[in-house]
Protein backbone atom coordinates (compact mmCIF):
# COMPACT_ATOMS: atom_id res chain seq x y z
CA MET A 1 -36.38 122.77 3.25
CA LYS A 2 -35.92 123.67 6.91
CA ILE A 3 -39.05 121.79 7.93
CA ILE A 4 -37.75 118.69 6.07
CA ILE A 5 -34.38 119.01 7.80
CA LEU A 6 -36.06 119.27 11.17
CA ILE A 7 -38.23 116.14 10.68
CA ILE A 8 -34.98 114.20 9.44
CA VAL A 9 -33.10 115.42 12.53
CA LEU A 10 -35.80 114.55 14.82
CA TRP A 11 -36.29 111.14 13.23
CA TYR A 12 -32.80 109.87 13.50
CA SER A 13 -31.64 111.54 16.69
CA GLY A 14 -34.71 110.47 18.51
CA LEU A 15 -34.57 106.92 16.96
CA PHE A 16 -30.81 106.38 17.94
CA PHE A 17 -31.55 107.05 21.57
CA GLN A 18 -34.45 104.87 21.43
CA THR A 19 -32.53 102.06 19.93
CA PHE A 20 -29.20 102.56 21.61
CA PHE A 21 -30.15 103.75 25.12
CA LEU A 22 -33.79 102.59 25.75
CA HIS A 23 -33.57 99.34 23.82
CA ARG A 24 -30.06 97.84 23.72
CA TYR A 25 -29.02 99.31 27.00
CA ALA A 26 -32.16 99.49 29.31
CA ALA A 27 -34.06 96.48 28.12
CA HIS A 28 -31.26 94.17 26.98
CA GLN A 29 -28.05 95.55 28.59
CA THR A 30 -25.85 94.49 25.60
CA PHE A 31 -23.18 97.08 26.69
CA THR A 32 -22.41 99.02 29.79
CA MET A 33 -21.25 102.56 30.43
CA SER A 34 -20.54 104.73 33.19
CA LYS A 35 -23.12 106.35 35.70
CA LEU A 36 -22.27 109.72 34.04
CA GLY A 37 -22.74 108.42 30.69
CA GLU A 38 -26.18 106.88 31.70
CA ARG A 39 -27.23 110.22 32.98
CA VAL A 40 -26.06 112.01 29.87
CA CYS A 41 -28.04 109.53 27.66
CA TYR A 42 -31.23 110.42 29.76
CA VAL A 43 -30.86 114.16 29.00
CA LEU A 44 -30.15 113.63 25.30
CA THR A 45 -33.11 111.20 25.02
CA TRP A 46 -35.30 113.90 26.51
CA ILE A 47 -33.84 116.57 24.19
CA PHE A 48 -34.22 114.68 21.08
CA GLN A 49 -37.52 112.76 21.87
CA GLY A 50 -39.01 115.87 23.27
CA SER A 51 -42.70 115.88 23.32
CA ASN A 52 -42.72 112.14 23.00
CA TYR A 53 -40.00 111.22 25.52
CA LEU A 54 -39.89 107.52 26.85
CA SER A 55 -38.56 106.56 30.19
CA ALA A 56 -35.76 104.08 30.11
CA TYR A 57 -37.43 102.03 32.91
CA GLY A 58 -40.86 102.01 31.45
CA TYR A 59 -39.58 101.10 27.91
CA GLY A 60 -37.22 98.56 29.12
CA VAL A 61 -39.67 96.60 31.23
CA MET A 62 -42.38 96.66 28.66
CA HIS A 63 -39.96 95.56 25.91
CA ARG A 64 -38.73 92.70 28.30
CA MET A 65 -42.46 91.65 28.66
CA HIS A 66 -42.87 91.87 24.78
CA HIS A 67 -40.15 89.19 24.26
CA ALA A 68 -41.47 86.93 27.02
CA TYR A 69 -45.04 87.21 25.80
CA ALA A 70 -44.59 87.81 21.99
CA ASP A 71 -47.77 87.36 20.05
CA THR A 72 -49.70 86.07 23.09
CA GLU A 73 -52.54 87.86 25.08
CA LYS A 74 -50.03 89.08 27.60
CA ASP A 75 -47.97 90.72 24.72
CA PRO A 76 -48.08 94.64 25.29
CA HIS A 77 -48.37 95.02 21.50
CA SER A 78 -49.20 92.52 18.93
CA PRO A 79 -50.99 92.51 15.72
CA LYS A 80 -52.68 89.37 16.62
CA TYR A 81 -54.52 90.66 19.52
CA ASP A 82 -55.29 94.19 18.31
CA THR A 83 -57.92 94.79 15.94
CA ASN A 84 -55.97 97.70 14.14
CA VAL A 85 -52.98 99.72 14.66
CA PHE A 86 -54.45 102.50 16.64
CA ALA A 87 -55.97 99.86 19.06
CA MET A 88 -52.41 98.51 19.61
CA MET A 89 -50.96 102.03 20.02
CA TRP A 90 -53.60 102.76 22.76
CA ARG A 91 -52.90 99.60 24.59
CA THR A 92 -49.24 100.04 24.35
CA LYS A 93 -49.65 103.50 25.82
CA ASN A 94 -51.57 102.36 28.75
CA THR A 95 -49.39 99.42 29.51
CA TYR A 96 -46.23 101.67 29.39
CA GLN A 97 -47.88 104.26 31.82
CA ASP A 98 -48.94 101.57 34.09
CA ILE A 99 -45.59 100.02 34.30
CA ASN A 100 -43.77 103.34 34.57
CA ARG A 101 -46.02 104.77 37.24
CA LYS A 102 -45.85 101.33 38.97
CA ARG A 103 -49.61 101.05 38.91
CA ILE A 104 -49.38 97.28 38.16
CA ALA A 105 -47.17 94.40 39.72
CA VAL A 106 -44.52 93.38 37.48
CA PRO A 107 -42.32 90.18 38.04
CA GLU A 108 -38.67 90.81 39.03
CA LYS A 109 -37.38 89.37 35.91
CA PHE A 110 -38.70 92.07 33.92
CA THR A 111 -37.41 94.93 36.27
CA LYS A 112 -33.96 93.46 37.35
CA ASN A 113 -31.19 96.03 36.65
CA VAL A 114 -33.38 98.19 34.47
CA PRO A 115 -32.16 101.78 34.96
CA GLN A 116 -34.43 104.36 36.40
CA TRP A 117 -34.07 108.09 37.35
CA GLU A 118 -37.34 108.59 38.87
CA SER A 119 -36.99 112.31 39.45
CA PHE A 120 -35.84 113.02 35.89
CA ASP A 121 -38.45 110.86 34.34
CA LYS A 122 -41.11 112.65 36.33
CA PHE A 123 -39.90 116.03 34.86
CA ALA A 124 -39.19 114.79 31.40
CA SER A 125 -42.55 112.98 31.13
CA SER A 126 -44.55 115.82 32.67
CA LYS A 127 -47.21 117.65 30.80
CA GLY A 128 -45.39 120.82 31.03
CA SER A 129 -42.28 119.48 29.30
CA ARG A 130 -44.32 117.94 26.66
CA LEU A 131 -46.19 121.13 26.01
CA VAL A 132 -43.04 123.16 25.80
CA PHE A 133 -41.58 120.85 23.06
CA THR A 134 -44.92 120.97 21.32
CA ALA A 135 -45.12 124.70 21.35
CA THR A 136 -41.44 124.68 20.04
CA TYR A 137 -42.30 122.49 17.18
CA ILE A 138 -45.28 124.58 16.19
CA SER A 139 -43.20 127.76 16.50
CA PHE A 140 -40.62 126.40 14.15
CA PHE A 141 -43.32 125.46 11.54
CA VAL A 142 -44.72 128.86 12.00
CA ALA A 143 -41.45 130.41 11.21
CA PHE A 144 -40.05 128.24 8.49
CA ALA A 145 -43.14 126.43 6.82
CA THR A 146 -43.20 127.54 3.16
CA ALA A 147 -46.11 125.34 1.90
CA TRP A 148 -49.36 123.96 3.31
CA TRP A 149 -48.30 120.35 2.87
CA GLN A 150 -45.39 120.85 5.39
CA TRP A 151 -47.87 121.27 8.08
CA LEU A 152 -48.67 117.60 7.55
CA LEU A 153 -45.45 116.75 9.08
CA LEU A 154 -46.25 118.46 12.39
CA PRO A 155 -47.94 115.32 14.02
CA ILE A 156 -44.75 113.36 13.01
CA ALA A 157 -42.55 115.68 14.96
CA ILE A 158 -44.92 115.56 17.93
CA LEU A 159 -45.54 111.69 17.94
CA MET A 160 -42.08 110.53 16.67
CA ALA A 161 -41.53 107.85 19.20
CA PRO A 162 -45.07 106.25 18.86
CA ILE A 163 -44.61 106.24 15.16
CA HIS A 164 -41.25 104.48 15.53
CA GLY A 165 -42.93 101.92 17.65
CA VAL A 166 -45.77 101.33 15.25
CA ILE A 167 -43.12 100.53 12.35
CA ILE A 168 -41.50 97.81 14.29
CA ASN A 169 -44.39 96.56 16.54
CA TRP A 170 -47.00 96.47 13.78
CA PHE A 171 -45.57 96.14 10.33
CA ALA A 172 -42.46 94.17 11.32
CA HIS A 173 -44.94 91.40 12.53
CA ILE A 174 -46.82 91.55 9.40
CA TYR A 175 -44.39 92.16 6.45
CA GLY A 176 -40.83 91.16 5.51
CA TYR A 177 -38.79 88.20 5.46
CA THR A 178 -37.33 85.77 8.25
CA ASN A 179 -34.02 84.25 8.73
CA PHE A 180 -34.94 82.36 11.62
CA LYS A 181 -38.09 80.19 12.77
CA VAL A 182 -39.20 81.82 16.00
CA SER A 183 -42.31 81.29 18.20
CA ASP A 184 -43.81 84.62 17.17
CA THR A 185 -44.50 86.52 13.89
CA SER A 186 -41.48 88.84 13.78
CA LYS A 187 -39.97 89.65 10.65
CA ASN A 188 -37.19 91.56 9.10
CA LEU A 189 -38.79 94.53 7.54
CA PHE A 190 -35.83 95.78 5.53
CA PRO A 191 -33.06 93.91 3.93
CA VAL A 192 -30.88 97.08 4.39
CA ASP A 193 -32.21 99.04 7.18
CA VAL A 194 -31.47 102.84 6.69
CA LEU A 195 -34.81 103.96 8.04
CA MET A 196 -34.95 102.38 11.36
CA MET A 197 -31.18 102.04 11.97
CA GLY A 198 -31.10 98.23 12.51
CA GLU A 199 -34.62 98.06 14.51
CA GLY A 200 -36.11 96.66 11.29
CA TYR A 201 -34.08 93.42 11.53
CA HIS A 202 -36.81 92.38 14.05
CA ASN A 203 -36.79 88.57 13.25
CA ASN A 204 -33.04 88.40 13.96
CA HIS A 205 -33.46 90.26 17.30
CA HIS A 206 -36.23 88.03 18.38
CA LYS A 207 -34.05 85.21 17.70
CA ASN A 208 -31.20 86.46 19.93
CA GLY A 209 -32.38 89.43 21.99
CA GLY A 210 -29.18 89.72 23.86
CA ARG A 211 -27.09 90.35 20.72
CA ALA A 212 -25.95 93.88 20.19
CA ASN A 213 -25.62 93.65 16.41
CA PHE A 214 -29.27 93.11 14.93
CA GLY A 215 -27.92 92.38 11.53
CA VAL A 216 -26.89 88.85 10.74
CA ARG A 217 -26.40 88.37 6.84
CA TRP A 218 -23.79 90.34 5.02
CA PHE A 219 -26.12 92.91 3.67
CA GLU A 220 -27.97 93.56 6.98
CA ILE A 221 -25.91 96.64 8.18
CA ASP A 222 -26.98 97.51 11.57
CA ILE A 223 -26.30 101.33 11.64
CA THR A 224 -26.55 101.84 15.39
CA TYR A 225 -24.22 98.68 16.00
CA CYS A 226 -21.75 100.48 13.82
CA ILE A 227 -21.89 103.51 16.03
CA MET A 228 -21.67 101.47 19.07
CA VAL A 229 -18.48 99.84 17.97
CA VAL A 230 -17.04 103.42 17.54
CA LEU A 231 -18.24 104.23 21.01
CA ASP A 232 -16.57 101.19 22.36
CA LYS A 233 -13.22 102.06 20.57
CA LEU A 234 -13.45 105.25 22.22
CA LYS A 235 -14.05 103.63 25.75
CA LEU A 236 -17.33 105.54 26.13
CA ILE A 237 -19.21 102.17 26.33
CA LYS A 238 -18.21 98.52 26.53
CA ILE A 239 -19.93 96.22 24.41
CA LYS A 240 -20.38 92.81 26.34
CA LYS A 241 -18.48 89.97 24.74
CA THR A 242 -21.55 87.67 24.81
CA ALA A 243 -23.65 90.28 22.87
CA HIS A 244 -21.20 90.57 19.88
């Protein structure tokens, strides 16, 4: 039971900071917050993503490129231009690293105002940091796993963020329904998205990338946006009026 609880905690905590901080803040800037709040989010993203920590800069720039080039040869991740899901994951990883380490030239429109904390990213993305988190997960499984099948969940703990990415970047471009006609294959993966905390409303998001609430129809509840509204009321963030 403790292994299941760990996976659930890692799944939703890591996912929250991916969609809230990396996606809606770094990439789309649908809300503002203080510099202190931003730094706190960096640290919490590192804690909860752990071995699969993603840089706000690398993620933010790559995601902007995805919107600009969706389902074209320049798209960092597209089922139309990758033969299988593993090929897409590998290309996404290489593109992310090239951006994050500034090994390729990126147009200013993709980098403008994207937050970056280079010293922290270097530490949080280091092999040492990732190995410490991986060792911690393994130690937890050694201590609390009570059945062989629970060990099958270990790769999920170690590779949580890439798995989150695959669900949206692969499956939400193949399966689901659409509310809007867009120039790409994005679809809404779930009518009620409790698994991906609103990220599953991918077609809605591609129609209006600057909208903080990814849900559009009455039943499309965006859990992350609901949390954002509470944080806004507490004056910890400020949702932009144009993003509501």
